[in-house]
Structures are given as C-alpha cells and as structure tokens.
Amino acid sequence: MSRKGLYVVFLAALLGGCGLADNVEDKVNQLKETKSKVSTLIRELQSLQFPEIWVTVKDVKLQDSNQQDHVVYTHQTGKVVNVISKAAAAELLNVNKVPQGNYTKLSVTLADQVTLVDLQGNQKVYTINGGANGFATVNADINLSLVANQAKALLMEFDVNSFINADTANKIVPVVKLAIDGAQDALRNYAKLEGRVVGVNADNSFVFQPNTGDAQIHVTLHQLGVIVNERTQDAGQSVSALLKAGDAVEVVGNYNPNKLELVAVGVAVIDLPVNGGTSSQVDGLTVEVEGTIVSIDQGLDTLLLNIEEASFVPSADPITISSLSSAQYGHGDTTMLAVGSEIEVKGVWNKDSNTLQAVRIEIEGAPHTSGAGAIAEVEGTVQSLTGSSLTINVTSAEHITVGATLTSDIANAWFKSGNASCLINGVNVELKGTVVNGNELTTTLVEIKSGACSTLPDSEFEDESESETESETESETGETPEEEDDL
C-alpha cells in the first residue's frame, strides 16, 4: 500500500469514532494540492468597422518570477476565434492546473495570419510582424498570483486597434493584455468544448474532461437543454439515459470560472470531431459555424448564413448551408428556420462552393419538441419585472404580432447573457421563444443587449472562496479523481 493509502486508513481509523471520516480522501487531496485551477478565456470585443477579426490561438503560456514558462493552453492545430462579438462575451479555451506562485509575463502564440472582414463582407489578410514558421508570439507584462487549490479566471483581451492599424506592407503588431479577475466584467462567459464524460451523477449532471487541459468541469443540463447523439439520432434530456462514462461529447453553455461549472444548453455525443484551420485545410472535413440566417430557398433546401463564429477561418461570408431537411435537429426543426434567426450548424465543408452540408442544426431559442410553432424574436426595454413575469416596451418584433408592450413568463428561460438581476427598468433585452395564439410569446431565451447589470448570477458566479468544484467529487461510478503523487 502507498504512503497515501496508509495515511488515509490511519486518519479514517482515528476519526471514525467521531463520525468525521466520510470525506477524509477528499480532504487529503485538498491538503496535498499545490496547483491552481486556471480557466483561460478570451474576451470578445466590439468593433463598428469590422464585425469579424479571425485569429488562430496555438498556445498560451505564463512565465513565473523565476522566468520558467508554464503552458496553460495548447491546441494541436490552433483554435480559430473571432475576437469580435455583438455583446460583452468571453469564450473559454480550457481549464488547466498551474503551479501556485507569482507570474510576470503572458505569452500568446498565434498563427501569423489574421483575417479581417468589414461591414460589406470584404476580407483582408494581414501578417503579424516578426512571425516565423507560420506562427508569431505576442507578449504582455502581468502581475498574477495563483493560490493552491483555488479556481482562477485568466481573461485575455486583444486591442482591436492593433489589428486595424496595419502598415503599408499589411503587417500588424497585435497587442494583448490580461484583465485580472475580469471574467466578472463579461455579461456572458461561454464554453463550446469537446472532451469525454468521466462520470454521470444522479442529479442529471455529469463530470466532463475537456480534450485540452487537465482539470475537470461539472456540467449541469439546463431545463431547456438537449442531449443529441449524432450516431444513433437519439435525443432527449435525461443524462443517465443518453450519456455514459467514456462518451466523446461536445458541450455548449454558460461557464462559471470561479467554480468550474457549466450550465449546458446543448450536449452532443459526437460521431466526428470538429476541425479547424483555413478554408482549404478543412475542405471535405467536419466543421462548425454559428450565425444569422440571411435568406432561405426551400426549393433548393438551402439557406444563406452570415457567420459570426466558426471552427475555421471562412473564405467567404455569407456561406451556403445545404441539406436542411435531412439534418438532425436538437432544438427546433425545419419549420422553425426563419430569416433573422440565429443557428449553429455542424457539417462537411466544401471550399470551392463555399457550402456547408449540414449534419446537425441547432436553432437558438427553439424548444426541443417539434411542431411547437414559429420562433419569434422581440426586442425592447424593460418596463417591469414581477417574479418571473417580465414586461417590456417593444421596439421591434419578428414573426409575431404584438402591441406596444409585451408580458412574458421567463421562469424557464435560458439567459444567453446576463441574468435576472440585470433586468432593471430601461435595460435593452431580446426575447426569443415560440408564438402562442399569434400574439403571445413562450420565452425560452433572454439576452441582455445593453445597460447596467447590477450583480452577477448567483447560480453562475460565486466568490472564489467557494472555488472547490463538484467536478472532482465522487460520481455514481464510485470513482474519485486522484492525484498521482503520494504524500
């Protein structure tokens, strides 16, 4: 038996008579942990000139006070990220265990080509000055302290102007900075990660191990969340029935970097992994895109999509999405596709025709059930919130006929950004849901568009003092992740 095992048995025997031995193993692991659990995120910014700035992140390193580098994120081919968004959002790259201590430098390695897309859809490719062998490193001086066994958000932010202000040779010098404890500044911290199920819990949650990073995440399925199996075409909301340990999955939802928890609106048991790179590199491979529908051609079974996020650098925008009727739908169905709706599509890319043959489609704001009615979007300013009853002064509405005000129950809605505490009078919001009786909205999604957000969601952002996560507690499998070293 290892020294660790002997120590645990000794403590259990010593404390057993006092009824204190139940969590001995967990406490021992906490005492011996010398690393911080770091969530690496990129804050997406806003730009009036360029709605898309595509960068490819290869790795992220922290340098400690002894000038020793520690890798907090690495991706085999590089993760493609659009650093521009319509809202204050931050995207999770991964979660990693990093030694405790003080860190003085942040280094981000990027592919040396950056693609900018203007408001007319025109693309221009710039080269990062000082790059070599297809990559370039951007450095920033920081002052970061990591504490053992504590969760920490490492929020990176690029200076948009550093991308826009290129020289005459189309060379740019990106500037990156670190927002210390800045994850709370974002209305939304979201994650879209591939990995494996470690264990399934009794409360309709599961433990998730991302493909990159060595820390685990506790995933809870939102009440409107859906699990789909790309191989069997099964879909539903029961974690225990649809997931098992070892399943390769993709999870999408809002992420809490202080507790390493994710509330998932979508989980897919994946048949084929998603690929990244340039348009040519992913030709014929499986990719993912998100965006807004520009037009629909029912006869050709296609639509045009204005891209906002993608796993690869698009060669055109908008692109064509084909095979609408044969695709699998997790949220919604073909009857709910409408111009202006936001969708996520997974499929096979054809660079010559700029077409994505859809395999799976998710319609934002749609319920899992088919035939629920048309999807409507209503924007306006908050007039009042009483309990879960929200009344807004309507400024625009699509696919629904409403008056000057609209009252809707948001009790079961998913907050894409913000939370109920943000719904103070005058705040701009967007509601999505299904139409009932022509002029009533069953709200499934709430998005804070602008205005003050007074506090953070209690269910999503807690004090770091409560950073111990359930992701490393015992699951139904009866297994608890263990540290490799003995005491």
Protein backbone atom coordinates (compact mmCIF):
# COMPACT_ATOMS: atom_id res chain seq x y z
CA MET A 1 0.00 0.00 0.00
CA SER A 2 1.28 3.52 -0.82
CA ARG A 3 2.07 6.05 1.88
CA LYS A 4 -1.03 7.94 0.81
CA GLY A 5 -3.18 4.86 1.33
CA LEU A 6 -1.68 4.19 4.79
CA TYR A 7 -2.23 7.81 5.76
CA VAL A 8 -5.88 7.74 4.68
CA VAL A 9 -6.52 4.47 6.55
CA PHE A 10 -4.85 5.90 9.67
CA LEU A 11 -6.96 9.04 9.54
CA ALA A 12 -10.13 7.07 8.92
CA ALA A 13 -9.43 4.85 11.93
CA LEU A 14 -8.57 7.83 14.10
CA LEU A 15 -11.60 9.89 13.14
CA GLY A 16 -14.12 7.16 12.53
CA GLY A 17 -15.37 7.13 16.11
CA CYS A 18 -16.03 10.84 15.85
CA GLY A 19 -18.06 10.47 12.64
CA LEU A 20 -15.56 12.61 10.70
CA ALA A 21 -14.15 10.06 8.28
CA ASP A 22 -16.63 10.48 5.42
CA ASN A 23 -14.59 12.97 3.43
CA VAL A 24 -11.06 12.01 4.52
CA GLU A 25 -9.94 11.17 0.99
CA ASP A 26 -11.20 14.50 -0.38
CA LYS A 27 -9.54 16.47 2.42
CA VAL A 28 -6.22 14.68 1.91
CA ASN A 29 -6.31 15.54 -1.80
CA GLN A 30 -7.02 19.18 -0.97
CA LEU A 31 -4.15 19.37 1.50
CA LYS A 32 -1.63 17.99 -0.97
CA GLU A 33 -2.79 20.05 -3.98
CA THR A 34 -0.20 22.70 -4.87
CA LYS A 35 -1.75 23.94 -8.11
CA SER A 36 -4.38 26.49 -9.06
CA LYS A 37 -7.19 25.58 -11.46
CA VAL A 38 -6.92 28.18 -14.20
CA SER A 39 -9.68 28.84 -16.74
CA THR A 40 -8.22 30.53 -19.83
CA LEU A 41 -10.71 32.77 -21.62
CA ILE A 42 -10.61 35.27 -24.49
CA ARG A 43 -12.81 38.33 -24.15
CA GLU A 44 -14.60 39.16 -27.40
CA LEU A 45 -14.79 42.88 -28.12
CA GLN A 46 -16.96 45.14 -30.25
CA SER A 47 -15.98 46.95 -33.44
CA LEU A 48 -18.05 49.32 -35.56
CA GLN A 49 -15.75 48.81 -38.55
CA PHE A 50 -15.03 45.06 -38.52
CA PRO A 51 -17.67 42.53 -37.35
CA GLU A 52 -15.12 39.73 -37.76
CA ILE A 53 -11.44 39.52 -36.81
CA TRP A 54 -10.24 35.92 -37.05
CA VAL A 55 -7.19 34.79 -35.11
CA THR A 56 -5.84 31.29 -34.51
CA VAL A 57 -4.56 30.62 -30.99
CA LYS A 58 -1.85 27.94 -30.80
CA ASP A 59 -0.83 28.16 -27.15
CA VAL A 60 -0.86 30.36 -24.06
CA LYS A 61 1.97 30.44 -21.51
CA LEU A 62 2.61 32.11 -18.17
CA GLN A 63 6.13 32.92 -17.01
CA ASP A 64 6.78 32.85 -13.28
CA SER A 65 9.10 35.11 -11.26
CA ASN A 66 11.92 32.60 -11.88
CA GLN A 67 11.46 33.03 -15.65
CA GLN A 68 10.13 29.50 -16.02
CA ASP A 69 7.35 29.04 -18.60
CA HIS A 70 4.14 27.16 -17.78
CA VAL A 71 1.72 26.18 -20.57
CA VAL A 72 -1.88 26.93 -19.64
CA TYR A 73 -3.37 26.21 -23.07
CA THR A 74 -2.22 24.42 -26.19
CA HIS A 75 -4.01 23.26 -29.33
CA GLN A 76 -2.51 20.87 -31.84
CA THR A 77 -3.55 22.85 -34.92
CA GLY A 78 -4.65 26.10 -33.27
CA LYS A 79 -8.13 27.20 -32.22
CA VAL A 80 -9.85 29.69 -34.51
CA VAL A 81 -11.54 32.56 -32.66
CA ASN A 82 -13.48 35.60 -33.86
CA VAL A 83 -12.38 38.18 -31.27
CA ILE A 84 -15.35 40.42 -32.14
CA SER A 85 -18.88 39.86 -30.79
CA LYS A 86 -22.16 41.76 -30.51
CA ALA A 87 -22.15 41.54 -26.71
CA ALA A 88 -19.68 41.53 -23.85
CA ALA A 89 -18.74 37.86 -24.01
CA ALA A 90 -15.73 35.74 -23.11
CA GLU A 91 -15.01 32.33 -24.62
CA LEU A 92 -13.44 29.54 -22.59
CA LEU A 93 -10.40 27.89 -24.17
CA ASN A 94 -9.68 25.31 -21.48
CA VAL A 95 -9.06 24.63 -17.79
CA ASN A 96 -5.61 23.63 -16.59
CA LYS A 97 -3.78 23.08 -13.32
CA VAL A 98 -0.93 25.57 -12.90
CA PRO A 99 1.62 25.67 -10.05
CA GLN A 100 0.94 28.21 -7.34
CA GLY A 101 3.11 31.32 -7.33
CA ASN A 102 3.59 34.73 -8.91
CA TYR A 103 3.61 35.21 -12.67
CA THR A 104 5.05 38.20 -14.52
CA LYS A 105 4.59 37.54 -18.27
CA LEU A 106 1.82 36.32 -20.55
CA SER A 107 2.76 34.84 -23.95
CA VAL A 108 0.21 34.00 -26.65
CA THR A 109 1.29 32.16 -29.80
CA LEU A 110 -0.89 32.89 -32.84
CA ALA A 111 -0.90 31.77 -36.45
CA ASP A 112 0.89 34.61 -38.20
CA GLN A 113 -2.05 35.43 -40.48
CA VAL A 114 -5.08 37.38 -39.25
CA THR A 115 -8.24 37.80 -41.33
CA LEU A 116 -10.40 40.94 -41.04
CA VAL A 117 -13.91 41.15 -42.54
CA ASP A 118 -15.54 44.56 -42.99
CA LEU A 119 -19.22 45.51 -42.88
CA GLN A 120 -19.60 44.76 -46.61
CA GLY A 121 -18.19 41.24 -46.19
CA ASN A 122 -14.85 42.04 -47.79
CA GLN A 123 -11.92 40.04 -46.41
CA LYS A 124 -8.36 41.16 -45.97
CA VAL A 125 -5.50 39.04 -44.64
CA TYR A 126 -2.73 40.62 -42.58
CA THR A 127 0.56 39.11 -41.43
CA ILE A 128 1.81 39.52 -37.87
CA ASN A 129 5.14 41.29 -37.82
CA GLY A 130 8.02 39.17 -36.51
CA GLY A 131 6.43 35.78 -37.15
CA ALA A 132 8.35 32.66 -38.18
CA ASN A 133 7.33 29.22 -39.46
CA GLY A 134 3.70 30.26 -39.66
CA PHE A 135 3.38 31.50 -36.05
CA ALA A 136 4.08 34.62 -34.00
CA THR A 137 4.21 35.22 -30.26
CA VAL A 138 2.62 38.19 -28.52
CA ASN A 139 3.85 39.05 -25.00
CA ALA A 140 2.47 41.16 -22.16
CA ASP A 141 3.83 42.05 -18.73
CA ILE A 142 1.43 40.97 -15.99
CA ASN A 143 1.20 40.67 -12.22
CA LEU A 144 -0.70 37.48 -11.46
CA SER A 145 -0.78 35.49 -8.22
CA LEU A 146 -2.07 31.89 -8.22
CA VAL A 147 -3.08 30.16 -4.99
CA ALA A 148 -3.07 26.39 -4.47
CA ASN A 149 -6.41 24.57 -4.90
CA GLN A 150 -8.18 27.76 -5.96
CA ALA A 151 -10.01 28.48 -9.21
CA LYS A 152 -8.82 31.47 -11.21
CA ALA A 153 -10.02 33.15 -14.40
CA LEU A 154 -7.25 34.11 -16.84
CA LEU A 155 -9.05 36.54 -19.12
CA MET A 156 -7.12 37.71 -22.19
CA GLU A 157 -8.13 40.66 -24.31
CA PHE A 158 -6.75 41.86 -27.64
CA ASP A 159 -6.53 45.52 -28.58
CA VAL A 160 -8.80 45.80 -31.63
CA ASN A 161 -6.97 48.86 -32.94
CA SER A 162 -3.73 46.88 -33.06
CA PHE A 163 -5.35 44.67 -35.71
CA ILE A 164 -6.88 47.52 -37.67
CA ASN A 165 -3.83 49.77 -37.82
CA ALA A 166 -1.63 47.87 -40.28
CA ASP A 167 1.36 49.35 -42.07
CA THR A 168 1.72 49.73 -45.82
CA ALA A 169 3.09 46.19 -46.14
CA ASN A 170 -0.04 44.81 -44.43
CA LYS A 171 1.95 43.95 -41.32
CA ILE A 172 0.32 44.19 -37.89
CA VAL A 173 1.54 44.00 -34.30
CA PRO A 174 -1.25 42.58 -32.11
CA VAL A 175 -1.44 43.80 -28.52
CA VAL A 176 -2.77 41.51 -25.79
CA LYS A 177 -3.43 42.27 -22.16
CA LEU A 178 -4.67 40.44 -19.10
CA ALA A 179 -7.78 41.54 -17.22
CA ILE A 180 -7.14 40.33 -13.68
CA ASP A 181 -10.31 38.88 -12.18
CA GLY A 182 -12.02 40.35 -15.22
CA ALA A 183 -14.30 37.41 -16.02
CA GLN A 184 -16.98 39.13 -13.98
CA ASP A 185 -16.95 42.05 -16.42
CA ALA A 186 -18.45 39.92 -19.17
CA LEU A 187 -22.19 39.50 -19.38
CA ARG A 188 -21.54 36.02 -20.65
CA ASN A 189 -18.73 33.51 -20.15
CA TYR A 190 -19.48 30.67 -22.50
CA ALA A 191 -17.87 27.42 -23.50
CA LYS A 192 -18.00 25.18 -26.54
CA LEU A 193 -15.63 22.31 -25.85
CA GLU A 194 -15.04 18.76 -26.93
CA GLY A 195 -13.98 16.09 -24.44
CA ARG A 196 -15.17 12.99 -22.62
CA VAL A 197 -17.69 12.11 -19.95
CA VAL A 198 -15.88 11.00 -16.78
CA GLY A 199 -18.91 10.03 -14.73
CA VAL A 200 -22.67 10.51 -14.62
CA ASN A 201 -24.29 11.80 -11.44
CA ALA A 202 -27.74 11.12 -10.00
CA ASP A 203 -28.87 14.77 -10.29
CA ASN A 204 -28.89 14.86 -14.11
CA SER A 205 -25.36 16.24 -14.22
CA PHE A 206 -22.02 14.80 -15.27
CA VAL A 207 -18.28 15.28 -14.92
CA PHE A 208 -16.56 16.44 -18.12
CA GLN A 209 -12.89 16.22 -19.07
CA PRO A 210 -12.02 18.60 -21.95
CA ASN A 211 -9.65 17.34 -24.64
CA THR A 212 -7.22 20.12 -23.71
CA GLY A 213 -6.24 20.84 -20.12
CA ASP A 214 -6.04 18.58 -17.08
CA ALA A 215 -8.85 19.92 -14.87
CA GLN A 216 -12.44 18.69 -14.98
CA ILE A 217 -15.71 20.60 -15.25
CA HIS A 218 -19.02 19.83 -13.56
CA VAL A 219 -21.81 20.06 -16.19
CA THR A 220 -25.49 20.53 -15.37
CA LEU A 221 -28.10 20.35 -18.12
CA HIS A 222 -30.34 23.42 -18.25
CA GLN A 223 -34.06 22.67 -18.11
CA LEU A 224 -34.26 23.66 -21.78
CA GLY A 225 -31.04 21.84 -22.64
CA VAL A 226 -30.97 18.90 -25.05
CA ILE A 227 -28.65 15.92 -25.46
CA VAL A 228 -28.33 14.58 -29.01
CA ASN A 229 -26.47 11.54 -30.28
CA GLU A 230 -25.09 12.17 -33.75
CA ARG A 231 -24.56 8.47 -34.37
CA THR A 232 -27.89 6.99 -33.20
CA GLN A 233 -30.00 10.14 -33.80
CA ASP A 234 -31.42 9.78 -30.27
CA ALA A 235 -32.25 13.00 -28.42
CA GLY A 236 -33.68 13.93 -25.06
CA GLN A 237 -33.00 15.47 -21.66
CA SER A 238 -32.01 12.50 -19.49
CA VAL A 239 -28.29 12.49 -18.72
CA SER A 240 -28.36 8.96 -17.27
CA ALA A 241 -30.21 7.54 -20.28
CA LEU A 242 -28.19 9.27 -23.01
CA LEU A 243 -24.68 9.60 -21.58
CA LYS A 244 -22.16 7.21 -20.06
CA ALA A 245 -18.56 7.38 -18.91
CA GLY A 246 -16.18 7.44 -21.85
CA ASP A 247 -18.57 9.08 -24.33
CA ALA A 248 -16.93 11.66 -26.61
CA VAL A 249 -19.09 14.78 -26.34
CA GLU A 250 -19.32 18.44 -27.20
CA VAL A 251 -20.80 20.73 -24.54
CA VAL A 252 -22.17 24.23 -25.13
CA GLY A 253 -23.34 26.60 -22.43
CA ASN A 254 -22.55 29.30 -19.89
CA TYR A 255 -19.47 28.76 -17.76
CA ASN A 256 -18.58 29.72 -14.19
CA PRO A 257 -14.78 30.10 -13.96
CA ASN A 258 -14.87 30.50 -10.19
CA LYS A 259 -16.48 27.12 -9.54
CA LEU A 260 -15.54 25.22 -12.72
CA GLU A 261 -19.20 24.62 -13.50
CA LEU A 262 -21.05 24.77 -16.80
CA VAL A 263 -24.80 25.05 -17.36
CA ALA A 264 -25.26 23.36 -20.73
CA VAL A 265 -27.93 24.29 -23.23
CA GLY A 266 -26.64 21.61 -25.59
CA VAL A 267 -24.69 18.35 -25.34
CA ALA A 268 -23.85 16.20 -28.35
CA VAL A 269 -22.41 12.70 -28.37
CA ILE A 270 -20.19 13.30 -31.35
CA ASP A 271 -19.68 10.99 -34.30
CA LEU A 272 -16.95 13.06 -35.94
CA PRO A 273 -14.75 15.69 -34.23
CA VAL A 274 -14.81 19.32 -35.36
CA ASN A 275 -11.82 20.54 -37.36
CA GLY A 276 -10.11 23.93 -37.50
CA GLY A 277 -7.72 25.77 -39.79
CA THR A 278 -8.08 27.70 -43.02
CA SER A 279 -10.86 27.11 -45.52
CA SER A 280 -8.54 24.99 -47.69
CA GLN A 281 -7.24 22.94 -44.76
CA VAL A 282 -10.75 21.84 -43.70
CA ASP A 283 -12.06 21.14 -47.21
CA GLY A 284 -14.09 17.93 -47.03
CA LEU A 285 -13.87 17.82 -43.23
CA THR A 286 -16.38 18.36 -40.42
CA VAL A 287 -16.61 21.94 -39.13
CA GLU A 288 -19.00 24.14 -37.16
CA VAL A 289 -20.38 27.63 -37.75
CA GLU A 290 -22.75 29.99 -35.96
CA GLY A 291 -24.55 32.92 -37.47
CA THR A 292 -27.72 34.63 -38.64
CA ILE A 293 -29.94 33.44 -41.50
CA VAL A 294 -29.92 35.89 -44.42
CA SER A 295 -32.27 34.03 -46.77
CA ILE A 296 -33.87 30.60 -47.27
CA ASP A 297 -34.51 28.68 -50.50
CA GLN A 298 -36.94 25.90 -49.68
CA GLY A 299 -36.82 24.56 -53.22
CA LEU A 300 -33.05 24.05 -53.11
CA ASP A 301 -33.15 23.02 -49.44
CA THR A 302 -30.52 25.68 -48.67
CA LEU A 303 -30.05 28.91 -46.77
CA LEU A 304 -27.51 31.73 -46.66
CA LEU A 305 -25.81 32.26 -43.31
CA ASN A 306 -23.96 35.35 -42.12
CA ILE A 307 -21.15 33.89 -40.00
CA GLU A 308 -20.37 35.15 -36.51
CA GLU A 309 -18.39 32.21 -35.08
CA ALA A 310 -16.68 29.26 -36.75
CA SER A 311 -14.21 26.48 -36.04
CA PHE A 312 -12.23 27.55 -39.14
CA VAL A 313 -11.38 30.79 -40.93
CA PRO A 314 -14.17 31.22 -43.53
CA SER A 315 -13.17 32.06 -47.09
CA ALA A 316 -16.46 33.88 -47.72
CA ASP A 317 -19.33 35.42 -45.81
CA PRO A 318 -22.19 34.68 -46.11
CA ILE A 319 -21.93 30.97 -46.88
CA THR A 320 -24.48 28.44 -48.13
CA ILE A 321 -25.92 25.80 -45.78
CA SER A 322 -27.37 22.78 -47.62
CA SER A 323 -29.30 19.61 -46.70
CA LEU A 324 -31.66 21.38 -44.31
CA SER A 325 -34.35 18.71 -44.41
CA SER A 326 -32.04 15.75 -43.76
CA ALA A 327 -30.05 17.32 -40.91
CA GLN A 328 -30.55 16.33 -37.29
CA TYR A 329 -32.17 19.00 -35.11
CA GLY A 330 -31.52 19.26 -31.37
CA HIS A 331 -33.51 22.47 -30.85
CA GLY A 332 -36.29 23.15 -33.36
CA ASP A 333 -37.00 21.70 -36.81
CA THR A 334 -37.08 22.83 -40.45
CA THR A 335 -40.39 24.67 -39.97
CA MET A 336 -38.73 26.99 -37.42
CA LEU A 337 -35.98 28.20 -39.75
CA ALA A 338 -36.58 31.89 -40.49
CA VAL A 339 -34.68 34.88 -41.81
CA GLY A 340 -33.01 36.66 -38.91
CA SER A 341 -32.83 33.56 -36.71
CA GLU A 342 -29.50 32.58 -35.19
CA ILE A 343 -28.42 28.99 -35.72
CA GLU A 344 -25.46 26.70 -35.13
CA VAL A 345 -24.58 24.21 -37.87
CA LYS A 346 -22.23 21.23 -37.91
CA GLY A 347 -21.45 19.67 -41.24
CA VAL A 348 -18.97 18.99 -44.05
CA TRP A 349 -17.26 21.97 -45.71
CA ASN A 350 -16.77 22.44 -49.46
CA LYS A 351 -14.34 25.30 -50.13
CA ASP A 352 -14.97 25.52 -53.87
CA SER A 353 -18.69 26.26 -53.49
CA ASN A 354 -18.42 27.85 -50.01
CA THR A 355 -21.09 25.40 -48.91
CA LEU A 356 -21.57 23.57 -45.64
CA GLN A 357 -23.58 20.34 -45.94
CA ALA A 358 -25.49 20.27 -42.67
CA VAL A 359 -25.36 17.23 -40.41
CA ARG A 360 -26.81 18.86 -37.27
CA ILE A 361 -28.61 22.18 -36.78
CA GLU A 362 -29.47 23.99 -33.54
CA ILE A 363 -31.93 26.90 -33.73
CA GLU A 364 -31.28 29.38 -30.95
CA GLY A 365 -34.34 29.91 -28.76
CA ALA A 366 -36.22 26.89 -30.12
CA PRO A 367 -37.54 24.12 -27.85
CA HIS A 368 -36.54 20.51 -28.30
CA THR A 369 -40.04 19.42 -29.33
CA SER A 370 -41.04 19.59 -32.99
CA GLY A 371 -44.12 21.44 -34.19
CA ALA A 372 -44.11 23.87 -31.26
CA GLY A 373 -44.80 26.83 -33.53
CA ALA A 374 -42.87 29.62 -35.15
CA ILE A 375 -39.80 31.11 -33.46
CA ALA A 376 -40.21 34.79 -32.69
CA GLU A 377 -37.78 37.48 -31.58
CA VAL A 378 -38.82 40.59 -29.68
CA GLU A 379 -36.53 43.43 -28.63
CA GLY A 380 -37.32 46.20 -26.21
CA THR A 381 -36.60 47.90 -22.92
CA VAL A 382 -37.56 46.54 -19.54
CA GLN A 383 -40.66 48.16 -18.06
CA SER A 384 -41.07 45.91 -15.03
CA LEU A 385 -40.22 42.51 -13.58
CA THR A 386 -42.58 40.94 -11.05
CA GLY A 387 -41.47 37.48 -10.01
CA SER A 388 -40.86 35.75 -13.33
CA SER A 389 -43.27 37.99 -15.25
CA LEU A 390 -41.31 40.38 -17.47
CA THR A 391 -42.93 43.33 -19.24
CA ILE A 392 -41.01 45.19 -21.95
CA ASN A 393 -41.67 48.20 -24.13
CA VAL A 394 -41.37 46.71 -27.62
CA THR A 395 -39.01 48.35 -30.11
CA SER A 396 -39.01 45.59 -32.75
CA ALA A 397 -40.60 42.20 -33.31
CA GLU A 398 -40.08 39.45 -35.86
CA HIS A 399 -42.50 36.62 -36.69
CA ILE A 400 -45.05 37.76 -34.11
CA THR A 401 -47.74 40.47 -33.89
CA VAL A 402 -47.53 42.39 -30.62
CA GLY A 403 -48.57 45.75 -29.28
CA ALA A 404 -46.51 48.46 -27.65
CA THR A 405 -45.79 46.25 -24.66
CA LEU A 406 -45.28 42.52 -24.16
CA THR A 407 -45.52 40.49 -20.96
CA SER A 408 -43.91 37.06 -20.84
CA ASP A 409 -43.05 34.44 -18.23
CA ILE A 410 -39.28 33.92 -18.14
CA ALA A 411 -39.21 31.34 -15.33
CA ASN A 412 -37.89 28.57 -17.58
CA ALA A 413 -35.87 30.73 -19.98
CA TRP A 414 -32.16 30.35 -20.61
CA PHE A 415 -30.16 33.54 -20.11
CA LYS A 416 -27.75 33.64 -23.03
CA SER A 417 -26.14 36.65 -21.40
CA GLY A 418 -26.66 38.34 -18.08
CA ASN A 419 -29.18 37.16 -15.50
CA ALA A 420 -32.43 38.17 -13.85
CA SER A 421 -30.68 40.78 -11.70
CA CYS A 422 -29.80 42.67 -14.90
CA LEU A 423 -33.49 43.19 -15.73
CA ILE A 424 -33.86 46.66 -14.29
CA ASN A 425 -36.04 49.32 -15.89
CA GLY A 426 -34.62 50.71 -19.12
CA VAL A 427 -32.26 47.83 -19.91
CA ASN A 428 -32.37 46.64 -23.53
CA VAL A 429 -33.23 42.97 -23.93
CA GLU A 430 -34.03 40.45 -26.62
CA LEU A 431 -36.53 37.66 -26.01
CA LYS A 432 -36.83 34.54 -28.14
CA GLY A 433 -39.43 31.80 -27.98
CA THR A 434 -42.42 30.20 -29.62
CA VAL A 435 -45.61 32.01 -30.67
CA VAL A 436 -48.91 31.11 -28.99
CA ASN A 437 -52.26 32.39 -30.30
CA GLY A 438 -50.49 34.70 -32.72
CA ASN A 439 -49.53 37.34 -30.17
CA GLU A 440 -48.25 35.53 -27.07
CA LEU A 441 -44.64 34.53 -26.55
CA THR A 442 -43.46 31.50 -24.61
CA THR A 443 -39.99 32.80 -23.80
CA THR A 444 -37.15 30.28 -23.98
CA LEU A 445 -34.18 32.67 -24.25
CA VAL A 446 -33.29 36.04 -22.73
CA GLU A 447 -30.31 38.09 -23.87
CA ILE A 448 -29.20 41.32 -22.20
CA LYS A 449 -28.29 43.63 -25.08
CA SER A 450 -27.13 46.74 -23.24
CA GLY A 451 -27.45 48.58 -19.96
CA ALA A 452 -26.21 48.09 -16.41
CA CYS A 453 -26.00 44.69 -14.80
CA SER A 454 -26.11 45.24 -11.06
CA THR A 455 -24.92 41.85 -9.81
CA LEU A 456 -23.66 38.55 -11.07
CA PRO A 457 -25.95 35.49 -11.29
CA ASP A 458 -25.97 33.64 -8.00
CA SER A 459 -26.20 30.32 -9.81
CA GLU A 460 -23.28 31.07 -12.09
CA PHE A 461 -20.71 33.29 -10.35
CA GLU A 462 -19.74 32.76 -6.73
CA ASP A 463 -16.90 34.08 -4.61
CA GLU A 464 -13.58 32.40 -5.27
CA SER A 465 -13.59 31.29 -1.63
CA GLU A 466 -16.14 28.74 -2.74
CA SER A 467 -14.00 27.60 -5.65
CA GLU A 468 -13.89 23.94 -4.71
CA THR A 469 -15.75 22.26 -7.52
CA GLU A 470 -18.03 19.29 -7.60
CA SER A 471 -16.29 18.20 -10.77
CA GLU A 472 -13.81 16.26 -8.69
CA THR A 473 -16.26 14.81 -6.21
CA GLU A 474 -17.45 11.26 -6.33
CA SER A 475 -19.83 10.38 -9.18
CA GLU A 476 -22.14 7.41 -9.49
CA THR A 477 -19.22 5.40 -10.78
CA GLY A 478 -17.85 5.49 -7.25
CA GLU A 479 -14.55 6.83 -8.52
CA THR A 480 -12.88 9.99 -7.29
CA PRO A 481 -10.11 11.54 -9.40
CA GLU A 482 -6.83 11.03 -7.55
CA GLU A 483 -3.57 12.87 -7.52
CA GLU A 484 -0.63 10.97 -8.94
CA ASP A 485 1.89 11.62 -6.17
CA ASP A 486 1.95 10.07 -2.73
CA LEU A 487 2.04 12.14 0.42
